[in-house]
Amino acid sequence: MHFVHGEQLVKDPAGQMRHVERFLGLRPVINESNFQVDSVKGFPCVVRPSSDGEPKPHCLGKAKGRAHAKVADGVLGRLREFFRPFNDQFYRIVGVDFGWS
Protein backbone atom coordinates (compact mmCIF):
# COMPACT_ATOMS: atom_id res chain seq x y z
CA MET A 1 0.00 0.00 0.00
CA HIS A 2 1.30 3.46 -0.86
CA PHE A 3 0.26 6.64 0.94
CA VAL A 4 0.55 10.04 -0.70
CA HIS A 5 1.40 12.94 1.60
CA GLY A 6 -1.30 15.49 0.76
CA GLU A 7 0.62 18.57 1.88
CA GLN A 8 3.64 17.47 -0.14
CA LEU A 9 1.39 16.77 -3.14
CA VAL A 10 0.38 20.45 -3.10
CA LYS A 11 3.99 21.66 -2.64
CA ASP A 12 5.68 19.20 -5.00
CA PRO A 13 3.15 17.34 -7.17
CA ALA A 14 5.72 16.00 -9.63
CA GLY A 15 7.91 14.67 -6.80
CA GLN A 16 4.98 12.92 -5.14
CA MET A 17 3.89 11.43 -8.46
CA ARG A 18 7.45 10.14 -9.00
CA HIS A 19 7.06 8.25 -5.70
CA VAL A 20 3.80 6.75 -7.00
CA GLU A 21 5.39 5.78 -10.32
CA ARG A 22 8.31 4.18 -8.49
CA PHE A 23 6.00 2.33 -6.08
CA LEU A 24 3.95 0.95 -9.01
CA GLY A 25 7.08 0.00 -10.95
CA LEU A 26 6.17 2.33 -13.80
CA ARG A 27 8.55 4.03 -16.19
CA PRO A 28 8.85 7.63 -14.95
CA VAL A 29 6.99 10.01 -17.27
CA ILE A 30 5.56 12.69 -14.98
CA ASN A 31 7.67 15.79 -14.33
CA GLU A 32 7.34 19.43 -13.35
CA SER A 33 6.07 20.40 -16.82
CA ASN A 34 2.89 18.38 -16.14
CA PHE A 35 1.82 20.87 -13.46
CA GLN A 36 1.04 24.57 -13.18
CA VAL A 37 -0.03 26.45 -10.04
CA ASP A 38 -3.52 27.96 -10.00
CA SER A 39 -2.82 31.62 -9.24
CA VAL A 40 -6.17 32.03 -7.48
CA LYS A 41 -6.24 28.97 -5.22
CA GLY A 42 -2.52 28.25 -5.00
CA PHE A 43 -3.01 24.57 -5.82
CA PRO A 44 -1.33 22.68 -8.65
CA CYS A 45 -3.26 22.02 -11.83
CA VAL A 46 -2.55 19.11 -14.16
CA VAL A 47 -1.45 20.26 -17.60
CA ARG A 48 -2.81 18.04 -20.36
CA PRO A 49 -3.51 18.37 -24.08
CA SER A 50 -6.81 20.00 -25.01
CA SER A 51 -8.97 19.12 -28.02
CA ASP A 52 -6.73 21.26 -30.25
CA GLY A 53 -3.62 19.47 -28.98
CA GLU A 54 -2.31 22.47 -27.04
CA PRO A 55 -1.42 21.99 -23.35
CA LYS A 56 -4.10 23.34 -21.02
CA PRO A 57 -4.26 23.32 -17.21
CA HIS A 58 -7.02 21.26 -15.58
CA CYS A 59 -7.60 22.76 -12.13
CA LEU A 60 -9.68 21.90 -9.07
CA GLY A 61 -13.40 22.62 -9.32
CA LYS A 62 -15.05 25.62 -7.68
CA ALA A 63 -15.90 23.64 -4.53
CA LYS A 64 -12.28 22.49 -4.03
CA GLY A 65 -9.45 24.48 -2.51
CA ARG A 66 -11.64 26.64 -0.28
CA ALA A 67 -10.39 28.06 3.01
CA HIS A 68 -11.02 25.76 5.96
CA ALA A 69 -13.30 26.75 8.80
CA LYS A 70 -11.51 28.22 11.83
CA VAL A 71 -11.34 25.80 14.77
CA ALA A 72 -10.51 27.09 18.24
CA ASP A 73 -6.91 26.40 19.32
CA GLY A 74 -8.13 24.65 22.48
CA VAL A 75 -10.23 22.24 20.45
CA LEU A 76 -7.33 21.55 18.08
CA GLY A 77 -5.05 20.90 21.05
CA ARG A 78 -7.48 18.41 22.57
CA LEU A 79 -7.93 16.64 19.24
CA ARG A 80 -4.17 16.45 18.66
CA GLU A 81 -3.63 15.06 22.16
CA PHE A 82 -6.39 12.47 21.74
CA PHE A 83 -5.22 11.28 18.32
CA ARG A 84 -1.44 11.46 19.00
CA PRO A 85 -1.00 7.79 20.02
CA PHE A 86 -3.13 6.61 17.09
CA ASN A 87 -1.21 8.82 14.66
CA ASP A 88 2.14 7.64 16.06
CA GLN A 89 1.07 4.02 15.65
CA PHE A 90 -0.07 4.72 12.09
CA TYR A 91 3.26 6.44 11.28
CA ARG A 92 5.18 3.40 12.55
CA ILE A 93 3.04 1.03 10.46
CA VAL A 94 3.33 2.96 7.18
CA GLY A 95 6.84 4.32 7.73
CA VAL A 96 5.82 7.95 7.09
CA ASP A 97 5.33 10.76 9.59
CA PHE A 98 2.58 12.97 8.18
CA GLY A 99 3.08 15.56 10.91
CA TRP A 100 -0.45 15.37 12.32
CA SER A 101 0.63 15.20 15.96
PDB file of N, CA and C in Angstrom:
ATOM      1  N   MET A   1       0.844  -1.165   0.000  1.00  0.00           N
ATOM      2  CA  MET A   1       0.000   0.000   0.000  1.00  0.00           C
ATOM      3  C   MET A   1       0.897   1.239   0.000  1.00  0.00           C
ATOM      4  N   HIS A   2       0.527   2.220  -0.785  1.00  0.00           N
ATOM      5  CA  HIS A   2       1.303   3.456  -0.856  1.00  0.00           C
ATOM      6  C   HIS A   2       0.422   4.610  -0.388  1.00  0.00           C
ATOM      7  N   PHE A   3       0.984   5.471   0.443  1.00  0.00           N
ATOM      8  CA  PHE A   3       0.264   6.638   0.942  1.00  0.00           C
ATOM      9  C   PHE A   3       0.894   7.892   0.359  1.00  0.00           C
ATOM     10  N   VAL A   4       0.070   8.772  -0.154  1.00  0.00           N
ATOM     11  CA  VAL A   4       0.545  10.044  -0.702  1.00  0.00           C
ATOM     12  C   VAL A   4       0.362  11.106   0.374  1.00  0.00           C
ATOM     13  N   HIS A   5       1.412  11.861   0.610  1.00  0.00           N
ATOM     14  CA  HIS A   5       1.404  12.938   1.604  1.00  0.00           C
ATOM     15  C   HIS A   5       0.731  14.147   0.967  1.00  0.00           C
ATOM     16  N   GLY A   6      -0.504  14.445   1.388  1.00  0.00           N
ATOM     17  CA  GLY A   6      -1.300  15.490   0.759  1.00  0.00           C
ATOM     18  C   GLY A   6      -0.652  16.853   0.731  1.00  0.00           C
ATOM     19  N   GLU A   7      -0.019  17.257   1.847  1.00  0.00           N
ATOM     20  CA  GLU A   7       0.617  18.572   1.883  1.00  0.00           C
ATOM     21  C   GLU A   7       1.785  18.627   0.902  1.00  0.00           C
ATOM     22  N   GLN A   8       2.529  17.517   0.804  1.00  0.00           N
ATOM     23  CA  GLN A   8       3.644  17.468  -0.142  1.00  0.00           C
ATOM     24  C   GLN A   8       3.140  17.417  -1.582  1.00  0.00           C
ATOM     25  N   LEU A   9       1.967  16.811  -1.799  1.00  0.00           N
ATOM     26  CA  LEU A   9       1.392  16.771  -3.137  1.00  0.00           C
ATOM     27  C   LEU A   9       1.101  18.184  -3.629  1.00  0.00           C
ATOM     28  N   VAL A  10       0.653  19.053  -2.732  1.00  0.00           N
ATOM     29  CA  VAL A  10       0.383  20.447  -3.104  1.00  0.00           C
ATOM     30  C   VAL A  10       1.694  21.183  -3.359  1.00  0.00           C
ATOM     31  N   LYS A  11       2.707  20.955  -2.512  1.00  0.00           N
ATOM     32  CA  LYS A  11       3.991  21.664  -2.641  1.00  0.00           C
ATOM     33  C   LYS A  11       4.842  21.147  -3.794  1.00  0.00           C
ATOM     34  N   ASP A  12       4.812  19.820  -4.008  1.00  0.00           N
ATOM     35  CA  ASP A  12       5.682  19.198  -5.004  1.00  0.00           C
ATOM     36  C   ASP A  12       4.937  18.060  -5.704  1.00  0.00           C
ATOM     37  N   PRO A  13       3.951  18.395  -6.551  1.00  0.00           N
ATOM     38  CA  PRO A  13       3.150  17.337  -7.168  1.00  0.00           C
ATOM     39  C   PRO A  13       3.970  16.367  -8.021  1.00  0.00           C
ATOM     40  N   ALA A  14       4.917  16.883  -8.768  1.00  0.00           N
ATOM     41  CA  ALA A  14       5.722  16.001  -9.626  1.00  0.00           C
ATOM     42  C   ALA A  14       6.549  15.035  -8.767  1.00  0.00           C
ATOM     43  N   GLY A  15       7.122  15.534  -7.683  1.00  0.00           N
ATOM     44  CA  GLY A  15       7.910  14.674  -6.800  1.00  0.00           C
ATOM     45  C   GLY A  15       7.064  13.576  -6.181  1.00  0.00           C
ATOM     46  N   GLN A  16       5.862  13.931  -5.724  1.00  0.00           N
ATOM     47  CA  GLN A  16       4.977  12.922  -5.136  1.00  0.00           C
ATOM     48  C   GLN A  16       4.535  11.909  -6.191  1.00  0.00           C
ATOM     49  N   MET A  17       4.288  12.364  -7.406  1.00  0.00           N
ATOM     50  CA  MET A  17       3.890  11.434  -8.457  1.00  0.00           C
ATOM     51  C   MET A  17       5.045  10.524  -8.857  1.00  0.00           C
ATOM     52  N   ARG A  18       6.294  11.004  -8.752  1.00  0.00           N
ATOM     53  CA  ARG A  18       7.448  10.141  -9.001  1.00  0.00           C
ATOM     54  C   ARG A  18       7.483   8.998  -7.984  1.00  0.00           C
ATOM     55  N   HIS A  19       7.131   9.309  -6.720  1.00  0.00           N
ATOM     56  CA  HIS A  19       7.064   8.250  -5.700  1.00  0.00           C
ATOM     57  C   HIS A  19       6.008   7.211  -6.084  1.00  0.00           C
ATOM     58  N   VAL A  20       4.866   7.669  -6.589  1.00  0.00           N
ATOM     59  CA  VAL A  20       3.796   6.749  -6.998  1.00  0.00           C
ATOM     60  C   VAL A  20       4.269   5.895  -8.177  1.00  0.00           C
ATOM     61  N   GLU A  21       4.876   6.535  -9.170  1.00  0.00           N
ATOM     62  CA  GLU A  21       5.390   5.780 -10.323  1.00  0.00           C
ATOM     63  C   GLU A  21       6.384   4.711  -9.873  1.00  0.00           C
ATOM     64  N   ARG A  22       7.294   5.109  -9.001  1.00  0.00           N
ATOM     65  CA  ARG A  22       8.308   4.177  -8.491  1.00  0.00           C
ATOM     66  C   ARG A  22       7.641   3.022  -7.746  1.00  0.00           C
ATOM     67  N   PHE A  23       6.695   3.346  -6.866  1.00  0.00           N
ATOM     68  CA  PHE A  23       5.996   2.325  -6.084  1.00  0.00           C
ATOM     69  C   PHE A  23       5.296   1.324  -7.002  1.00  0.00           C
ATOM     70  N   LEU A  24       4.682   1.811  -8.081  1.00  0.00           N
ATOM     71  CA  LEU A  24       3.951   0.952  -9.011  1.00  0.00           C
ATOM     72  C   LEU A  24       4.861   0.260 -10.026  1.00  0.00           C
ATOM     73  N   GLY A  25       6.148   0.603 -10.013  1.00  0.00           N
ATOM     74  CA  GLY A  25       7.085   0.004 -10.953  1.00  0.00           C
ATOM     75  C   GLY A  25       6.896   0.510 -12.370  1.00  0.00           C
ATOM     76  N   LEU A  26       6.407   1.737 -12.490  1.00  0.00           N
ATOM     77  CA  LEU A  26       6.175   2.329 -13.804  1.00  0.00           C
ATOM     78  C   LEU A  26       7.390   3.098 -14.288  1.00  0.00           C
ATOM     79  N   ARG A  27       7.513   3.192 -15.582  1.00  0.00           N
ATOM     80  CA  ARG A  27       8.551   4.028 -16.185  1.00  0.00           C
ATOM     81  C   ARG A  27       8.206   5.470 -15.839  1.00  0.00           C
ATOM     82  N   PRO A  28       9.161   6.246 -15.326  1.00  0.00           N
ATOM     83  CA  PRO A  28       8.850   7.634 -14.953  1.00  0.00           C
ATOM     84  C   PRO A  28       8.552   8.500 -16.179  1.00  0.00           C
ATOM     85  N   VAL A  29       7.373   9.124 -16.172  1.00  0.00           N
ATOM     86  CA  VAL A  29       6.992  10.006 -17.275  1.00  0.00           C
ATOM     87  C   VAL A  29       6.495  11.368 -16.775  1.00  0.00           C
ATOM     88  N   ILE A  30       6.098  11.442 -15.519  1.00  0.00           N
ATOM     89  CA  ILE A  30       5.559  12.687 -14.978  1.00  0.00           C
ATOM     90  C   ILE A  30       6.701  13.560 -14.470  1.00  0.00           C
ATOM     91  N   ASN A  31       6.649  14.856 -14.815  1.00  0.00           N
ATOM     92  CA  ASN A  31       7.668  15.787 -14.333  1.00  0.00           C
ATOM     93  C   ASN A  31       7.023  17.145 -14.075  1.00  0.00           C
ATOM     94  N   GLU A  32       7.833  18.105 -13.734  1.00  0.00           N
ATOM     95  CA  GLU A  32       7.335  19.433 -13.355  1.00  0.00           C
ATOM     96  C   GLU A  32       6.506  20.094 -14.457  1.00  0.00           C
ATOM     97  N   SER A  33       6.806  19.770 -15.718  1.00  0.00           N
ATOM     98  CA  SER A  33       6.073  20.400 -16.820  1.00  0.00           C
ATOM     99  C   SER A  33       4.615  19.937 -16.897  1.00  0.00           C
ATOM    100  N   ASN A  34       4.268  18.882 -16.161  1.00  0.00           N
ATOM    101  CA  ASN A  34       2.893  18.381 -16.136  1.00  0.00           C
ATOM    102  C   ASN A  34       2.004  19.136 -15.155  1.00  0.00           C
ATOM    103  N   PHE A  35       2.575  20.145 -14.477  1.00  0.00           N
ATOM    104  CA  PHE A  35       1.820  20.874 -13.462  1.00  0.00           C
ATOM    105  C   PHE A  35       2.018  22.372 -13.612  1.00  0.00           C
ATOM    106  N   GLN A  36       1.001  23.115 -13.188  1.00  0.00           N
ATOM    107  CA  GLN A  36       1.042  24.572 -13.180  1.00  0.00           C
ATOM    108  C   GLN A  36       0.223  25.005 -11.965  1.00  0.00           C
ATOM    109  N   VAL A  37       0.673  26.007 -11.248  1.00  0.00           N
ATOM    110  CA  VAL A  37      -0.027  26.453 -10.044  1.00  0.00           C
ATOM    111  C   VAL A  37      -1.174  27.376 -10.415  1.00  0.00           C
ATOM    112  N   ASP A  38      -2.341  27.092  -9.842  1.00  0.00           N
ATOM    113  CA  ASP A  38      -3.517  27.958 -10.004  1.00  0.00           C
ATOM    114  C   ASP A  38      -3.253  29.234  -9.221  1.00  0.00           C
ATOM    115  N   SER A  39      -3.168  30.357  -9.899  1.00  0.00           N
ATOM    116  CA  SER A  39      -2.816  31.620  -9.241  1.00  0.00           C
ATOM    117  C   SER A  39      -3.869  32.078  -8.243  1.00  0.00           C
ATOM    118  N   VAL A  40      -5.104  31.632  -8.388  1.00  0.00           N
ATOM    119  CA  VAL A  40      -6.175  32.034  -7.481  1.00  0.00           C
ATOM    120  C   VAL A  40      -6.171  31.190  -6.215  1.00  0.00           C
ATOM    121  N   LYS A  41      -6.145  29.872  -6.368  1.00  0.00           N
ATOM    122  CA  LYS A  41      -6.244  28.965  -5.219  1.00  0.00           C
ATOM    123  C   LYS A  41      -4.893  28.541  -4.658  1.00  0.00           C
ATOM    124  N   GLY A  42      -3.848  28.649  -5.461  1.00  0.00           N
ATOM    125  CA  GLY A  42      -2.525  28.255  -4.996  1.00  0.00           C
ATOM    126  C   GLY A  42      -2.279  26.753  -5.041  1.00  0.00           C
ATOM    127  N   PHE A  43      -3.163  26.011  -5.700  1.00  0.00           N
ATOM    128  CA  PHE A  43      -3.010  24.568  -5.817  1.00  0.00           C
ATOM    129  C   PHE A  43      -2.502  24.215  -7.207  1.00  0.00           C
ATOM    130  N   PRO A  44      -1.808  23.075  -7.321  1.00  0.00           N
ATOM    131  CA  PRO A  44      -1.327  22.683  -8.647  1.00  0.00           C
ATOM    132  C   PRO A  44      -2.472  22.210  -9.533  1.00  0.00           C
ATOM    133  N   CYS A  45      -2.339  22.498 -10.806  1.00  0.00           N
ATOM    134  CA  CYS A  45      -3.264  22.025 -11.832  1.00  0.00           C
ATOM    135  C   CYS A  45      -2.487  21.051 -12.710  1.00  0.00           C
ATOM    136  N   VAL A  46      -3.174  20.049 -13.232  1.00  0.00           N
ATOM    137  CA  VAL A  46      -2.555  19.109 -14.157  1.00  0.00           C
ATOM    138  C   VAL A  46      -2.620  19.727 -15.550  1.00  0.00           C
ATOM    139  N   VAL A  47      -1.499  19.739 -16.229  1.00  0.00           N
ATOM    140  CA  VAL A  47      -1.454  20.256 -17.599  1.00  0.00           C
ATOM    141  C   VAL A  47      -1.578  19.060 -18.536  1.00  0.00           C
ATOM    142  N   ARG A  48      -2.594  19.135 -19.404  1.00  0.00           N
ATOM    143  CA  ARG A  48      -2.806  18.039 -20.356  1.00  0.00           C
ATOM    144  C   ARG A  48      -3.269  18.618 -21.687  1.00  0.00           C
ATOM    145  N   PRO A  49      -3.110  17.852 -22.756  1.00  0.00           N
ATOM    146  CA  PRO A  49      -3.510  18.367 -24.075  1.00  0.00           C
ATOM    147  C   PRO A  49      -5.011  18.623 -24.134  1.00  0.00           C
ATOM    148  N   SER A  50      -5.396  19.697 -24.797  1.00  0.00           N
ATOM    149  CA  SER A  50      -6.813  20.004 -25.012  1.00  0.00           C
ATOM    150  C   SER A  50      -7.227  19.411 -26.362  1.00  0.00           C
ATOM    151  N   SER A  51      -8.462  19.670 -26.760  1.00  0.00           N
ATOM    152  CA  SER A  51      -8.970  19.115 -28.023  1.00  0.00           C
ATOM    153  C   SER A  51      -8.167  19.585 -29.237  1.00  0.00           C
ATOM    154  N   ASP A  52      -7.542  20.770 -29.123  1.00  0.00           N
ATOM    155  CA  ASP A  52      -6.729  21.258 -30.247  1.00  0.00           C
ATOM    156  C   ASP A  52      -5.266  20.823 -30.137  1.00  0.00           C
ATOM    157  N   GLY A  53      -4.969  19.985 -29.138  1.00  0.00           N
ATOM    158  CA  GLY A  53      -3.620  19.466 -28.978  1.00  0.00           C
ATOM    159  C   GLY A  53      -2.697  20.334 -28.155  1.00  0.00           C
ATOM    160  N   GLU A  54      -3.131  21.554 -27.844  1.00  0.00           N
ATOM    161  CA  GLU A  54      -2.311  22.468 -27.044  1.00  0.00           C
ATOM    162  C   GLU A  54      -2.440  22.134 -25.560  1.00  0.00           C
ATOM    163  N   PRO A  55      -1.342  22.250 -24.792  1.00  0.00           N
ATOM    164  CA  PRO A  55      -1.421  21.986 -23.350  1.00  0.00           C
ATOM    165  C   PRO A  55      -2.338  22.997 -22.656  1.00  0.00           C
ATOM    166  N   LYS A  56      -3.163  22.494 -21.749  1.00  0.00           N
ATOM    167  CA  LYS A  56      -4.100  23.345 -21.023  1.00  0.00           C
ATOM    168  C   LYS A  56      -4.187  22.842 -19.587  1.00  0.00           C
ATOM    169  N   PRO A  57      -4.170  23.765 -18.602  1.00  0.00           N
ATOM    170  CA  PRO A  57      -4.261  23.316 -17.210  1.00  0.00           C
ATOM    171  C   PRO A  57      -5.677  22.849 -16.863  1.00  0.00           C
ATOM    172  N   HIS A  58      -5.754  21.769 -16.109  1.00  0.00           N
ATOM    173  CA  HIS A  58      -7.024  21.262 -15.581  1.00  0.00           C
ATOM    174  C   HIS A  58      -6.939  21.431 -14.070  1.00  0.00           C
ATOM    175  N   CYS A  59      -7.703  22.381 -13.534  1.00  0.00           N
ATOM    176  CA  CYS A  59      -7.598  22.755 -12.125  1.00  0.00           C
ATOM    177  C   CYS A  59      -8.766  22.205 -11.306  1.00  0.00           C
ATOM    178  N   LEU A  60      -8.629  22.322  -9.986  1.00  0.00           N
ATOM    179  CA  LEU A  60      -9.681  21.895  -9.072  1.00  0.00           C
ATOM    180  C   LEU A  60     -10.968  22.644  -9.369  1.00  0.00           C
ATOM    181  N   GLY A  61     -12.102  21.995  -9.109  1.00  0.00           N
ATOM    182  CA  GLY A  61     -13.403  22.620  -9.319  1.00  0.00           C
ATOM    183  C   GLY A  61     -13.643  23.744  -8.327  1.00  0.00           C
ATOM    184  N   LYS A  62     -14.729  24.463  -8.525  1.00  0.00           N
ATOM    185  CA  LYS A  62     -15.054  25.616  -7.681  1.00  0.00           C
ATOM    186  C   LYS A  62     -15.188  25.253  -6.211  1.00  0.00           C
ATOM    187  N   ALA A  63     -15.675  24.041  -5.917  1.00  0.00           N
ATOM    188  CA  ALA A  63     -15.896  23.640  -4.525  1.00  0.00           C
ATOM    189  C   ALA A  63     -14.605  23.173  -3.843  1.00  0.00           C
ATOM    190  N   LYS A  64     -13.542  22.983  -4.598  1.00  0.00           N
ATOM    191  CA  LYS A  64     -12.279  22.494  -4.028  1.00  0.00           C
ATOM    192  C   LYS A  64     -11.309  23.647  -3.786  1.00  0.00           C
ATOM    193  N   GLY A  65     -10.462  23.486  -2.779  1.00  0.00           N
ATOM    194  CA  GLY A  65      -9.445  24.482  -2.507  1.00  0.00           C
ATOM    195  C   GLY A  65      -9.940  25.679  -1.729  1.00  0.00           C
ATOM    196  N   ARG A  66     -11.098  25.541  -1.089  1.00  0.00           N
ATOM    197  CA  ARG A  66     -11.639  26.641  -0.285  1.00  0.00           C
ATOM    198  C   ARG A  66     -10.863  26.746   1.028  1.00  0.00           C
ATOM    199  N   ALA A  67     -10.985  27.881   1.678  1.00  0.00           N
ATOM    200  CA  ALA A  67     -10.388  28.055   3.006  1.00  0.00           C
ATOM    201  C   ALA A  67     -11.141  27.177   3.995  1.00  0.00           C
ATOM    202  N   HIS A  68     -10.412  26.604   4.938  1.00  0.00           N
ATOM    203  CA  HIS A  68     -11.021  25.757   5.961  1.00  0.00           C
ATOM    204  C   HIS A  68     -11.648  26.616   7.051  1.00  0.00           C
ATOM    205  N   ALA A  69     -12.658  26.060   7.686  1.00  0.00           N
ATOM    206  CA  ALA A  69     -13.305  26.750   8.803  1.00  0.00           C
ATOM    207  C   ALA A  69     -12.303  26.888   9.952  1.00  0.00           C
ATOM    208  N   LYS A  70     -12.389  27.979  10.681  1.00  0.00           N
ATOM    209  CA  LYS A  70     -11.507  28.222  11.832  1.00  0.00           C
ATOM    210  C   LYS A  70     -11.985  27.362  12.999  1.00  0.00           C
ATOM    211  N   VAL A  71     -11.057  26.625  13.601  1.00  0.00           N
ATOM    212  CA  VAL A  71     -11.340  25.798  14.769  1.00  0.00           C
ATOM    213  C   VAL A  71     -10.532  26.367  15.928  1.00  0.00           C
ATOM    214  N   ALA A  72     -11.171  26.512  17.065  1.00  0.00           N
ATOM    215  CA  ALA A  72     -10.514  27.093  18.238  1.00  0.00           C
ATOM    216  C   ALA A  72      -9.254  26.307  18.594  1.00  0.00           C
ATOM    217  N   ASP A  73      -8.190  27.036  18.977  1.00  0.00           N
ATOM    218  CA  ASP A  73      -6.913  26.400  19.320  1.00  0.00           C
ATOM    219  C   ASP A  73      -7.070  25.348  20.411  1.00  0.00           C
ATOM    220  N   GLY A  74      -7.914  25.622  21.402  1.00  0.00           N
ATOM    221  CA  GLY A  74      -8.129  24.654  22.477  1.00  0.00           C
ATOM    222  C   GLY A  74      -8.709  23.353  21.971  1.00  0.00           C
ATOM    223  N   VAL A  75      -9.626  23.440  21.035  1.00  0.00           N
ATOM    224  CA  VAL A  75     -10.228  22.244  20.445  1.00  0.00           C
ATOM    225  C   VAL A  75      -9.180  21.481  19.646  1.00  0.00           C
ATOM    226  N   LEU A  76      -8.391  22.207  18.846  1.00  0.00           N
ATOM    227  CA  LEU A  76      -7.332  21.553  18.077  1.00  0.00           C
ATOM    228  C   LEU A  76      -6.340  20.853  18.994  1.00  0.00           C
ATOM    229  N   GLY A  77      -5.983  21.501  20.091  1.00  0.00           N
ATOM    230  CA  GLY A  77      -5.052  20.903  21.048  1.00  0.00           C
ATOM    231  C   GLY A  77      -5.597  19.616  21.639  1.00  0.00           C
ATOM    232  N   ARG A  78      -6.861  19.618  22.012  1.00  0.00           N
ATOM    233  CA  ARG A  78      -7.476  18.409  22.573  1.00  0.00           C
ATOM    234  C   ARG A  78      -7.541  17.290  21.528  1.00  0.00           C
ATOM    235  N   LEU A  79      -7.877  17.650  20.309  1.00  0.00           N
ATOM    236  CA  LEU A  79      -7.927  16.644  19.245  1.00  0.00           C
ATOM    237  C   LEU A  79      -6.543  16.059  18.964  1.00  0.00           C
ATOM    238  N   ARG A  80      -5.534  16.936  18.892  1.00  0.00           N
ATOM    239  CA  ARG A  80      -4.165  16.452  18.657  1.00  0.00           C
ATOM    240  C   ARG A  80      -3.716  15.509  19.779  1.00  0.00           C
ATOM    241  N   GLU A  81      -4.015  15.883  21.009  1.00  0.00           N
ATOM    242  CA  GLU A  81      -3.633  15.055  22.158  1.00  0.00           C
ATOM    243  C   GLU A  81      -4.340  13.701  22.106  1.00  0.00           C
ATOM    244  N   PHE A  82      -5.627  13.719  21.804  1.00  0.00           N
ATOM    245  CA  PHE A  82      -6.388  12.472  21.742  1.00  0.00           C
ATOM    246  C   PHE A  82      -5.863  11.548  20.644  1.00  0.00           C
ATOM    247  N   PHE A  83      -5.612  12.107  19.457  1.00  0.00           N
ATOM    248  CA  PHE A  83      -5.219  11.281  18.320  1.00  0.00           C
ATOM    249  C   PHE A  83      -3.723  10.985  18.250  1.00  0.00           C
ATOM    250  N   ARG A  84      -2.891  11.645  19.071  1.00  0.00           N
ATOM    251  CA  ARG A  84      -1.437  11.460  19.003  1.00  0.00           C
ATOM    252  C   ARG A  84      -1.015   9.994  19.043  1.00  0.00           C
ATOM    253  N   PRO A  85      -1.466   9.185  20.012  1.00  0.00           N
ATOM    254  CA  PRO A  85      -0.999   7.794  20.024  1.00  0.00           C
ATOM    255  C   PRO A  85      -1.456   7.001  18.788  1.00  0.00           C
ATOM    256  N   PHE A  86      -2.641   7.301  18.285  1.00  0.00           N
ATOM    257  CA  PHE A  86      -3.126   6.611  17.088  1.00  0.00           C
ATOM    258  C   PHE A  86      -2.315   7.026  15.864  1.00  0.00           C
ATOM    259  N   ASN A  87      -2.030   8.326  15.766  1.00  0.00           N
ATOM    260  CA  ASN A  87      -1.206   8.820  14.660  1.00  0.00           C
ATOM    261  C   ASN A  87       0.191   8.224  14.720  1.00  0.00           C
ATOM    262  N   ASP A  88       0.793   8.207  15.916  1.00  0.00           N
ATOM    263  CA  ASP A  88       2.139   7.641  16.064  1.00  0.00           C
ATOM    264  C   ASP A  88       2.167   6.172  15.647  1.00  0.00           C
ATOM    265  N   GLN A  89       1.148   5.438  16.031  1.00  0.00           N
ATOM    266  CA  GLN A  89       1.069   4.023  15.650  1.00  0.00           C
ATOM    267  C   GLN A  89       0.935   3.899  14.130  1.00  0.00           C
ATOM    268  N   PHE A  90       0.107   4.733  13.545  1.00  0.00           N
ATOM    269  CA  PHE A  90      -0.065   4.719  12.089  1.00  0.00           C
ATOM    270  C   PHE A  90       1.251   5.051  11.387  1.00  0.00           C
ATOM    271  N   TYR A  91       1.968   6.074  11.874  1.00  0.00           N
ATOM    272  CA  TYR A  91       3.260   6.444  11.278  1.00  0.00           C
ATOM    273  C   TYR A  91       4.231   5.275  11.314  1.00  0.00           C
ATOM    274  N   ARG A  92       4.278   4.557  12.435  1.00  0.00           N
ATOM    275  CA  ARG A  92       5.185   3.399  12.550  1.00  0.00           C
ATOM    276  C   ARG A  92       4.801   2.317  11.539  1.00  0.00           C
ATOM    277  N   ILE A  93       3.504   2.079  11.372  1.00  0.00           N
ATOM    278  CA  ILE A  93       3.041   1.027  10.461  1.00  0.00           C
ATOM    279  C   ILE A  93       3.389   1.373   9.014  1.00  0.00           C
ATOM    280  N   VAL A  94       3.122   2.608   8.600  1.00  0.00           N
ATOM    281  CA  VAL A  94       3.329   2.961   7.179  1.00  0.00           C
ATOM    282  C   VAL A  94       4.720   3.506   6.896  1.00  0.00           C
ATOM    283  N   GLY A  95       5.492   3.826   7.940  1.00  0.00           N
ATOM    284  CA  GLY A  95       6.840   4.325   7.734  1.00  0.00           C
ATOM    285  C   GLY A  95       6.916   5.757   7.256  1.00  0.00           C
ATOM    286  N   VAL A  96       5.846   6.543   7.492  1.00  0.00           N
ATOM    287  CA  VAL A  96       5.816   7.945   7.086  1.00  0.00           C
ATOM    288  C   VAL A  96       5.222   8.759   8.225  1.00  0.00           C
ATOM    289  N   ASP A  97       5.883   9.848   8.599  1.00  0.00           N
ATOM    290  CA  ASP A  97       5.335  10.763   9.589  1.00  0.00           C
ATOM    291  C   ASP A  97       4.659  11.908   8.837  1.00  0.00           C
ATOM    292  N   PHE A  98       3.343  11.956   8.898  1.00  0.00           N
ATOM    293  CA  PHE A  98       2.582  12.965   8.180  1.00  0.00           C
ATOM    294  C   PHE A  98       2.489  14.277   8.944  1.00  0.00           C
ATOM    295  N   GLY A  99       3.044  14.327  10.161  1.00  0.00           N
ATOM    296  CA  GLY A  99       3.080  15.563  10.913  1.00  0.00           C
ATOM    297  C   GLY A  99       1.751  15.974  11.497  1.00  0.00           C
ATOM    298  N   TRP A 100       0.874  15.031  11.784  1.00  0.00           N
ATOM    299  CA  TRP A 100      -0.449  15.369  12.324  1.00  0.00           C
ATOM    300  C   TRP A 100      -0.439  15.563  13.827  1.00  0.00           C
ATOM    301  N   SER A 101       0.620  15.127  14.494  1.00  0.00           N
ATOM    302  CA  SER A 101       0.635  15.201  15.958  1.00  0.00           C
ATOM    303  C   SER A 101       0.880  16.601  16.457  1.00  0.00           C
TER     304      SER A 101
END
